[in-house]
Amino acid sequence: MRGEDPFEEGATSILRQPKAVWATAGASVVAFMGIGLVDPILPSIAKGLDATPSQVSLLFTSYFLITAVAMLVTGYVSSRIGGRKTLLAGLALVIVFAALSGTSGSVGELVGFRAGWGLGNALFVSTSLAVIVGAAAGGSAAAILLYESALGLGMACGPLLGALLGDASWRYPFFGTAALMAIGFLCITALLKEQPKPARKTSLLDPVKALGHGGLASAAASAFFYNYAFFTVLAFTPFVLNMTPYTSGAVFFAWGVLLAVFSVLVAPRLQARFGSLKVLGGSLVLLAVDLLVLGYGNHTVAVVGTIVSGAFIGLNNTVYTELALGVSDAPRPVASAGYNFVRWFAAAAAPYFAPKIEEWTDIHIPFVVAAVAAVTGAGIVWARRASLSHEAEEHRPLHATEDSVTVFAN
């Protein structure tokens, strides 16, 4: 299947979808916006709540720590109550905790509310792709292309919305997210019908058992170190750039655009030409170089380095998806949950440790640590290439099946 264009099938039918699909895709955009929403307003939150950067960074830590643990729960829940109810439960939690985040009187309250938000987002995001595929017209390729477009749009627009609303008050982005999610809740309630439940119910331990496969465990371990580098950029760089919400939002909007373009358009073509392992190893090394340039360059260089990192992050996200879902014989939702259970712990760790490392050393060293983490991820890919080679040889385009994006989405 090398050399085939994964976008030929379904590309023309992506716009001809039922209203239920558009309602779910629209809510997915907002869900992904929530990941980068706080980026431009981190300094404003620190000032408004009289908190240090390391305290404010816990907004990411609590969010992703709960997300990691929730990976063991989402399949268990959705296989028992169905996709529609799981989506609505996740949306309801996001609405409540996003609104509560805007009322926070201390950084501790805000961190706690973000944890509840993370649980809701995990329930929603981990289920939305399957719902879109089940309700879409034009085949799975069109549905997945629509879902990935929603993902990329959300990652790009989250920082922009945070900047626009946060310029008036750091509280407004949280209220805005709650309002948009409430609209999504009403649309899904009205337009989406319940879909059939899976034939087999997922247990809480299935994802952990799946990690007993050497290839999946290797992909998860490598992704753990990569995610540390990824979220050093996302959570720590705003303090380094020290810009107004508008300018910081513009920087991370450009970052998100590159992430979306390289994830959706560039990565599958590079994989088809060079193979997954070569693309991933090269991209991780280039990300490490970019992090060092970002950390030691002047302000302009740091801005450019932040934006450019989006390209490597987009490539890595897509290739890790292929590895995690194609390397083992575990059911793809189960493999996805196990993989994400491991990697999201790094997303929780990096926002906390990066500011702490700066306090212990200087502003450059967090980026050195992140670069070392990226190289470590590449080293695991190289050292474990035999256990990962099955996927590289039997490469399937990201858009070939309805489960392919689950691992990235989670």
Protein backbone atom coordinates (compact mmCIF):
# COMPACT_ATOMS: atom_id res chain seq x y z
CA MET A 1 0.00 0.00 0.00
CA ARG A 2 3.01 2.29 -0.13
CA GLY A 3 2.64 5.17 -2.50
CA GLU A 4 -1.15 5.32 -2.32
CA ASP A 5 -2.70 8.66 -1.48
CA PRO A 6 -4.83 8.14 1.64
CA PHE A 7 -6.90 11.19 0.83
CA GLU A 8 -8.34 10.05 -2.48
CA GLU A 9 -11.14 7.99 -0.94
CA GLY A 10 -13.81 10.10 0.70
CA ALA A 11 -12.18 13.46 0.01
CA THR A 12 -15.08 14.64 -2.12
CA SER A 13 -17.76 13.39 0.27
CA ILE A 14 -16.42 14.91 3.48
CA LEU A 15 -18.86 17.83 3.32
CA ARG A 16 -21.93 15.68 2.66
CA GLN A 17 -22.52 14.42 6.18
CA PRO A 18 -25.58 14.04 8.39
CA LYS A 19 -26.27 16.74 10.95
CA ALA A 20 -25.35 14.35 13.76
CA VAL A 21 -21.82 14.04 12.35
CA TRP A 22 -21.39 17.80 12.13
CA ALA A 23 -22.68 18.22 15.68
CA THR A 24 -20.14 15.69 17.00
CA ALA A 25 -17.31 17.12 14.89
CA GLY A 26 -18.10 20.65 16.08
CA ALA A 27 -18.02 19.56 19.71
CA SER A 28 -14.72 17.78 18.96
CA VAL A 29 -13.20 21.06 17.76
CA VAL A 30 -14.06 22.69 21.07
CA ALA A 31 -12.79 19.66 23.03
CA PHE A 32 -9.39 19.88 21.34
CA MET A 33 -9.38 23.65 21.79
CA GLY A 34 -9.45 23.03 25.53
CA ILE A 35 -5.94 21.51 25.43
CA GLY A 36 -4.19 24.70 24.31
CA LEU A 37 -6.77 27.19 25.54
CA VAL A 38 -4.77 28.23 28.60
CA ASP A 39 -1.44 28.65 26.78
CA PRO A 40 -1.65 32.40 26.03
CA ILE A 41 -3.16 33.23 29.43
CA LEU A 42 -0.77 31.31 31.69
CA PRO A 43 1.13 34.48 32.67
CA SER A 44 -2.20 36.29 33.18
CA ILE A 45 -3.49 33.49 35.41
CA ALA A 46 -0.27 33.57 37.43
CA LYS A 47 -0.63 37.32 37.91
CA GLY A 48 -4.38 37.20 38.64
CA LEU A 49 -4.08 34.44 41.24
CA ASP A 50 -0.69 35.54 42.61
CA ALA A 51 0.85 32.20 41.66
CA THR A 52 4.26 31.07 40.46
CA PRO A 53 4.83 29.51 37.01
CA SER A 54 5.30 26.07 38.57
CA GLN A 55 1.96 26.41 40.39
CA VAL A 56 0.12 27.52 37.27
CA SER A 57 1.69 24.71 35.25
CA LEU A 58 -0.27 22.31 37.44
CA LEU A 59 -3.27 23.23 35.25
CA PHE A 60 -1.75 20.90 32.67
CA THR A 61 -0.50 18.37 35.20
CA SER A 62 -3.88 17.78 36.84
CA TYR A 63 -5.64 17.75 33.47
CA PHE A 64 -3.40 15.14 31.89
CA LEU A 65 -2.89 13.05 35.01
CA ILE A 66 -6.62 12.47 35.19
CA THR A 67 -6.72 11.94 31.42
CA ALA A 68 -4.07 9.21 31.71
CA VAL A 69 -5.95 7.33 34.42
CA ALA A 70 -9.24 7.83 32.57
CA MET A 71 -7.84 5.92 29.59
CA LEU A 72 -8.46 2.75 31.62
CA VAL A 73 -12.06 3.77 32.23
CA THR A 74 -13.39 5.18 28.96
CA GLY A 75 -13.60 1.85 27.11
CA TYR A 76 -15.14 0.21 30.16
CA VAL A 77 -17.82 2.90 30.30
CA SER A 78 -18.63 3.26 26.59
CA SER A 79 -18.86 -0.52 26.06
CA ARG A 80 -21.57 -0.63 28.74
CA ILE A 81 -23.66 2.52 28.31
CA GLY A 82 -23.07 3.23 24.62
CA GLY A 83 -21.30 5.96 22.68
CA ARG A 84 -24.01 8.64 22.82
CA LYS A 85 -24.40 8.52 26.59
CA THR A 86 -20.61 8.51 27.04
CA LEU A 87 -20.30 11.60 24.83
CA LEU A 88 -23.00 13.44 26.75
CA ALA A 89 -21.52 12.48 30.11
CA GLY A 90 -18.12 13.79 29.01
CA LEU A 91 -19.62 17.02 27.68
CA ALA A 92 -21.59 17.57 30.87
CA LEU A 93 -18.44 17.24 32.97
CA VAL A 94 -16.53 19.65 30.72
CA ILE A 95 -19.33 22.22 30.89
CA VAL A 96 -19.50 22.08 34.68
CA PHE A 97 -15.77 22.13 35.36
CA ALA A 98 -14.90 24.68 32.67
CA ALA A 99 -17.46 27.06 34.16
CA LEU A 100 -16.18 26.38 37.67
CA SER A 101 -12.62 27.07 36.46
CA GLY A 102 -13.68 30.59 35.57
CA THR A 103 -14.91 31.19 39.11
CA SER A 104 -11.70 30.03 40.82
CA GLY A 105 -10.44 32.14 43.67
CA SER A 106 -7.10 30.38 44.01
CA VAL A 107 -4.71 28.38 41.87
CA GLY A 108 -5.53 25.29 43.94
CA GLU A 109 -9.21 25.53 43.05
CA LEU A 110 -8.37 26.05 39.38
CA VAL A 111 -6.06 23.02 39.33
CA GLY A 112 -8.79 20.89 40.88
CA PHE A 113 -11.43 22.05 38.41
CA ARG A 114 -9.06 21.35 35.50
CA ALA A 115 -8.76 17.77 36.77
CA GLY A 116 -12.52 17.33 36.50
CA TRP A 117 -12.36 18.91 33.05
CA GLY A 118 -9.73 16.35 32.05
CA LEU A 119 -12.01 13.46 33.02
CA GLY A 120 -14.86 14.86 30.94
CA ASN A 121 -12.61 15.51 27.97
CA ALA A 122 -11.22 11.95 28.13
CA LEU A 123 -14.72 10.47 28.04
CA PHE A 124 -15.75 12.67 25.12
CA VAL A 125 -12.64 12.57 22.94
CA SER A 126 -12.03 8.83 23.29
CA THR A 127 -15.57 8.12 22.05
CA SER A 128 -16.19 10.82 19.44
CA LEU A 129 -14.27 9.19 16.57
CA ALA A 130 -16.19 5.92 16.81
CA VAL A 131 -19.46 7.88 16.89
CA ILE A 132 -18.50 9.97 13.85
CA VAL A 133 -17.50 6.87 11.87
CA GLY A 134 -20.70 5.09 12.81
CA ALA A 135 -22.93 7.98 11.77
CA ALA A 136 -20.97 9.30 8.76
CA ALA A 137 -21.83 8.97 5.09
CA GLY A 138 -19.23 8.28 2.39
CA GLY A 139 -17.15 5.66 4.13
CA SER A 140 -14.66 5.68 6.94
CA ALA A 141 -12.04 7.70 5.03
CA ALA A 142 -14.32 10.73 4.76
CA ALA A 143 -15.30 10.43 8.43
CA ILE A 144 -11.70 10.19 9.62
CA LEU A 145 -10.59 13.09 7.42
CA LEU A 146 -13.39 15.16 8.95
CA TYR A 147 -12.34 14.10 12.46
CA GLU A 148 -8.69 14.92 11.86
CA SER A 149 -9.69 18.28 10.44
CA ALA A 150 -11.65 18.95 13.64
CA LEU A 151 -8.63 17.91 15.69
CA GLY A 152 -6.25 20.17 13.80
CA LEU A 153 -8.68 23.10 13.85
CA GLY A 154 -9.16 22.73 17.60
CA MET A 155 -5.43 22.53 18.35
CA ALA A 156 -4.83 25.63 16.23
CA CYS A 157 -7.76 27.71 17.45
CA GLY A 158 -7.53 26.92 21.16
CA PRO A 159 -4.67 29.36 21.80
CA LEU A 160 -6.36 31.96 19.57
CA LEU A 161 -9.63 31.80 21.51
CA GLY A 162 -7.72 31.89 24.78
CA ALA A 163 -5.94 35.04 23.61
CA LEU A 164 -9.03 36.83 22.32
CA LEU A 165 -11.11 36.22 25.43
CA GLY A 166 -8.20 36.28 27.84
CA ASP A 167 -7.14 39.76 26.83
CA ALA A 168 -10.10 41.08 28.83
CA SER A 169 -9.85 38.59 31.71
CA TRP A 170 -8.19 35.23 32.22
CA ARG A 171 -11.60 33.93 33.39
CA TYR A 172 -13.42 34.51 30.09
CA PRO A 173 -11.83 31.65 28.09
CA PHE A 174 -13.16 29.16 30.62
CA PHE A 175 -16.68 30.59 30.48
CA GLY A 176 -16.47 30.69 26.68
CA THR A 177 -15.51 27.02 26.50
CA ALA A 178 -18.39 26.08 28.81
CA ALA A 179 -20.84 27.99 26.60
CA LEU A 180 -19.57 26.37 23.39
CA MET A 181 -19.67 22.91 24.93
CA ALA A 182 -23.23 23.55 26.13
CA ILE A 183 -24.22 24.26 22.53
CA GLY A 184 -22.51 21.02 21.47
CA PHE A 185 -24.37 19.13 24.23
CA LEU A 186 -27.73 20.40 22.95
CA CYS A 187 -26.88 19.60 19.32
CA ILE A 188 -25.76 16.05 20.10
CA THR A 189 -28.81 15.49 22.32
CA ALA A 190 -31.12 16.56 19.50
CA LEU A 191 -29.36 15.09 16.46
CA LEU A 192 -27.40 11.98 17.46
CA LYS A 193 -29.14 8.65 17.90
CA GLU A 194 -27.68 5.89 20.08
CA GLN A 195 -25.47 3.44 18.23
CA PRO A 196 -25.14 -0.31 18.86
CA LYS A 197 -22.98 -1.26 21.82
CA PRO A 198 -19.82 -3.34 21.21
CA ALA A 199 -20.31 -7.10 21.17
CA ARG A 200 -17.62 -7.53 23.85
CA LYS A 201 -17.39 -5.41 26.98
CA THR A 202 -13.98 -3.97 27.81
CA SER A 203 -12.54 -4.62 31.27
CA LEU A 204 -10.49 -2.11 33.25
CA LEU A 205 -7.35 -4.27 33.00
CA ASP A 206 -7.49 -4.99 29.24
CA PRO A 207 -5.36 -1.93 28.31
CA VAL A 208 -2.71 -2.84 30.90
CA LYS A 209 -2.60 -6.44 29.69
CA ALA A 210 -2.12 -5.20 26.12
CA LEU A 211 1.14 -3.55 27.19
CA GLY A 212 2.59 -7.01 27.70
CA HIS A 213 3.25 -7.01 23.94
CA GLY A 214 6.85 -5.90 23.35
CA GLY A 215 6.07 -3.76 20.32
CA LEU A 216 3.23 -1.85 21.97
CA ALA A 217 5.26 -1.40 25.16
CA SER A 218 8.18 -0.04 23.09
CA ALA A 219 5.94 2.42 21.25
CA ALA A 220 4.42 3.58 24.54
CA ALA A 221 7.82 4.00 26.22
CA SER A 222 9.19 6.01 23.31
CA ALA A 223 6.04 8.15 23.21
CA PHE A 224 6.38 8.80 26.95
CA PHE A 225 9.72 10.58 26.42
CA TYR A 226 8.45 12.32 23.30
CA ASN A 227 5.40 13.64 25.16
CA TYR A 228 7.68 15.13 27.80
CA ALA A 229 9.34 17.18 25.05
CA PHE A 230 5.98 18.02 23.46
CA PHE A 231 4.45 19.40 26.63
CA THR A 232 7.55 21.29 27.63
CA VAL A 233 6.86 23.35 24.51
CA LEU A 234 3.14 23.63 25.18
CA ALA A 235 3.20 24.45 28.90
CA PHE A 236 6.57 26.07 29.61
CA THR A 237 7.32 28.14 26.49
CA PRO A 238 4.60 30.77 27.16
CA PHE A 239 6.52 31.85 30.26
CA VAL A 240 9.75 32.05 28.27
CA LEU A 241 8.20 34.11 25.48
CA ASN A 242 6.50 36.38 28.05
CA MET A 243 4.16 37.96 25.49
CA THR A 244 0.74 39.53 25.70
CA PRO A 245 -2.19 37.11 25.30
CA TYR A 246 -2.73 38.33 21.72
CA THR A 247 0.84 37.81 20.53
CA SER A 248 1.25 34.53 22.41
CA GLY A 249 -2.04 33.34 20.93
CA ALA A 250 -0.84 34.22 17.44
CA VAL A 251 2.39 32.26 17.97
CA PHE A 252 0.58 29.16 19.15
CA PHE A 253 -2.03 29.51 16.42
CA ALA A 254 0.77 29.30 13.85
CA TRP A 255 2.22 26.39 15.83
CA GLY A 256 -1.14 24.62 15.71
CA VAL A 257 -1.54 25.21 11.97
CA LEU A 258 1.83 23.56 11.30
CA LEU A 259 0.92 20.70 13.64
CA ALA A 260 -2.33 20.09 11.75
CA VAL A 261 -0.77 20.34 8.27
CA PHE A 262 2.13 18.02 9.03
CA SER A 263 -0.07 15.56 10.88
CA VAL A 264 -2.85 15.31 8.30
CA LEU A 265 -1.09 16.03 4.99
CA VAL A 266 2.68 15.55 5.28
CA ALA A 267 3.18 12.60 7.64
CA PRO A 268 1.27 9.95 5.64
CA ARG A 269 3.21 10.84 2.49
CA LEU A 270 6.57 10.69 4.25
CA GLN A 271 5.62 7.36 5.80
CA ALA A 272 4.66 5.96 2.41
CA ARG A 273 8.03 6.99 0.99
CA PHE A 274 10.49 6.33 3.83
CA GLY A 275 8.68 4.09 6.32
CA SER A 276 7.44 4.84 9.81
CA LEU A 277 10.60 4.18 11.82
CA LYS A 278 12.88 6.39 9.71
CA VAL A 279 10.38 9.25 9.73
CA LEU A 280 9.85 9.00 13.47
CA GLY A 281 13.52 8.74 14.37
CA GLY A 282 14.48 11.65 12.15
CA SER A 283 11.62 13.82 13.38
CA LEU A 284 12.47 13.19 17.04
CA VAL A 285 16.12 14.15 16.49
CA LEU A 286 15.09 17.30 14.61
CA LEU A 287 12.68 18.17 17.43
CA ALA A 288 15.58 17.85 19.90
CA VAL A 289 17.70 20.23 17.80
CA ASP A 290 14.80 22.67 17.57
CA LEU A 291 14.36 22.59 21.36
CA LEU A 292 18.03 23.45 21.92
CA VAL A 293 17.82 26.33 19.44
CA LEU A 294 14.61 27.51 21.11
CA GLY A 295 16.19 27.35 24.57
CA TYR A 296 19.43 29.14 23.75
CA GLY A 297 18.32 31.58 21.04
CA ASN A 298 17.19 35.16 21.46
CA HIS A 299 13.52 36.08 21.70
CA THR A 300 12.92 36.09 17.94
CA VAL A 301 14.63 32.72 17.56
CA ALA A 302 12.54 31.35 20.42
CA VAL A 303 9.34 32.45 18.67
CA VAL A 304 10.40 30.84 15.40
CA GLY A 305 11.56 27.69 17.20
CA THR A 306 8.22 27.39 18.98
CA ILE A 307 6.28 27.64 15.72
CA VAL A 308 8.58 25.22 13.86
CA SER A 309 8.23 22.62 16.61
CA GLY A 310 4.61 22.22 15.55
CA ALA A 311 5.78 20.54 12.33
CA PHE A 312 7.79 17.88 14.15
CA ILE A 313 5.07 17.36 16.74
CA GLY A 314 2.51 16.83 13.96
CA LEU A 315 4.74 14.25 12.28
CA ASN A 316 5.43 12.43 15.54
CA ASN A 317 1.79 12.28 16.60
CA THR A 318 0.75 10.61 13.37
CA VAL A 319 3.60 8.10 13.22
CA TYR A 320 3.17 7.08 16.85
CA THR A 321 -0.48 6.45 16.00
CA GLU A 322 0.53 4.01 13.29
CA LEU A 323 3.01 2.24 15.53
CA ALA A 324 0.73 1.86 18.52
CA LEU A 325 -2.23 0.60 16.53
CA GLY A 326 -0.40 -1.60 14.04
CA VAL A 327 2.30 -3.30 16.08
CA SER A 328 0.26 -5.64 18.28
CA ASP A 329 -2.70 -7.96 17.82
CA ALA A 330 -4.73 -6.31 20.60
CA PRO A 331 -8.06 -4.74 19.59
CA ARG A 332 -7.32 -1.21 18.51
CA PRO A 333 -9.38 0.58 21.17
CA VAL A 334 -7.65 -1.52 23.83
CA ALA A 335 -4.18 -0.89 22.37
CA SER A 336 -5.01 2.81 22.17
CA ALA A 337 -6.04 2.95 25.82
CA GLY A 338 -2.91 1.15 27.03
CA TYR A 339 -0.63 3.31 24.92
CA ASN A 340 -2.27 6.54 26.07
CA PHE A 341 -2.27 5.41 29.69
CA VAL A 342 1.55 5.45 29.52
CA ARG A 343 2.21 8.51 27.39
CA TRP A 344 -0.15 10.95 29.10
CA PHE A 345 1.78 10.60 32.35
CA ALA A 346 4.63 12.45 30.63
CA ALA A 347 2.17 15.16 29.58
CA ALA A 348 1.34 15.52 33.27
CA ALA A 349 5.00 15.52 34.36
CA ALA A 350 6.54 18.01 31.93
CA PRO A 351 4.44 21.08 32.87
CA TYR A 352 5.37 20.55 36.53
CA PHE A 353 9.05 19.72 36.20
CA ALA A 354 10.02 22.27 33.53
CA PRO A 355 9.41 25.34 35.76
CA LYS A 356 10.95 23.52 38.72
CA ILE A 357 14.09 22.76 36.71
CA GLU A 358 14.30 26.44 35.78
CA GLU A 359 14.07 27.37 39.47
CA TRP A 360 16.84 24.90 40.34
CA THR A 361 19.12 25.85 37.41
CA ASP A 362 18.37 28.44 34.72
CA ILE A 363 15.92 29.06 31.90
CA HIS A 364 17.91 27.04 29.33
CA ILE A 365 18.08 23.70 31.11
CA PRO A 366 14.38 22.73 30.82
CA PHE A 367 14.83 22.72 27.05
CA VAL A 368 18.01 20.67 27.34
CA VAL A 369 16.10 18.10 29.39
CA ALA A 370 13.28 18.11 26.83
CA ALA A 371 15.79 17.63 24.00
CA VAL A 372 17.36 14.70 25.85
CA ALA A 373 13.89 13.21 26.28
CA ALA A 374 13.23 13.50 22.53
CA VAL A 375 16.56 11.82 21.72
CA THR A 376 15.76 9.10 24.27
CA GLY A 377 12.50 8.47 22.44
CA ALA A 378 14.43 8.13 19.18
CA GLY A 379 16.91 5.81 20.88
CA ILE A 380 14.11 3.50 22.02
CA VAL A 381 12.77 3.38 18.47
CA TRP A 382 16.22 2.43 17.17
CA ALA A 383 16.97 -0.09 19.94
CA ARG A 384 13.57 -1.74 19.66
CA ARG A 385 13.30 -1.51 15.87
CA ALA A 386 12.96 -5.29 15.58
CA SER A 387 9.83 -5.35 17.74
CA LEU A 388 8.46 -2.33 15.87
CA SER A 389 9.44 -3.47 12.36
CA HIS A 390 6.21 -5.40 11.72
CA GLU A 391 4.29 -2.14 11.54
CA ALA A 392 6.96 -0.51 9.42
CA GLU A 393 6.86 -3.34 6.88
CA GLU A 394 3.10 -3.77 6.88
CA HIS A 395 2.40 -0.05 6.86
CA ARG A 396 -1.24 0.93 6.56
CA PRO A 397 -2.16 4.56 5.83
CA LEU A 398 -3.54 6.41 8.80
CA HIS A 399 -6.89 6.78 7.12
CA ALA A 400 -7.33 3.16 6.18
CA THR A 401 -9.61 2.15 9.06
CA GLU A 402 -12.05 3.73 11.43
CA ASP A 403 -9.84 3.11 14.44
CA SER A 404 -6.69 4.69 13.07
CA VAL A 405 -6.90 8.06 14.75
CA THR A 406 -8.10 6.83 18.12
CA VAL A 407 -4.65 6.82 19.65
CA PHE A 408 -3.93 10.44 18.65
CA ALA A 409 -7.38 11.56 19.72
CA ASN A 410 -7.07 10.04 23.13
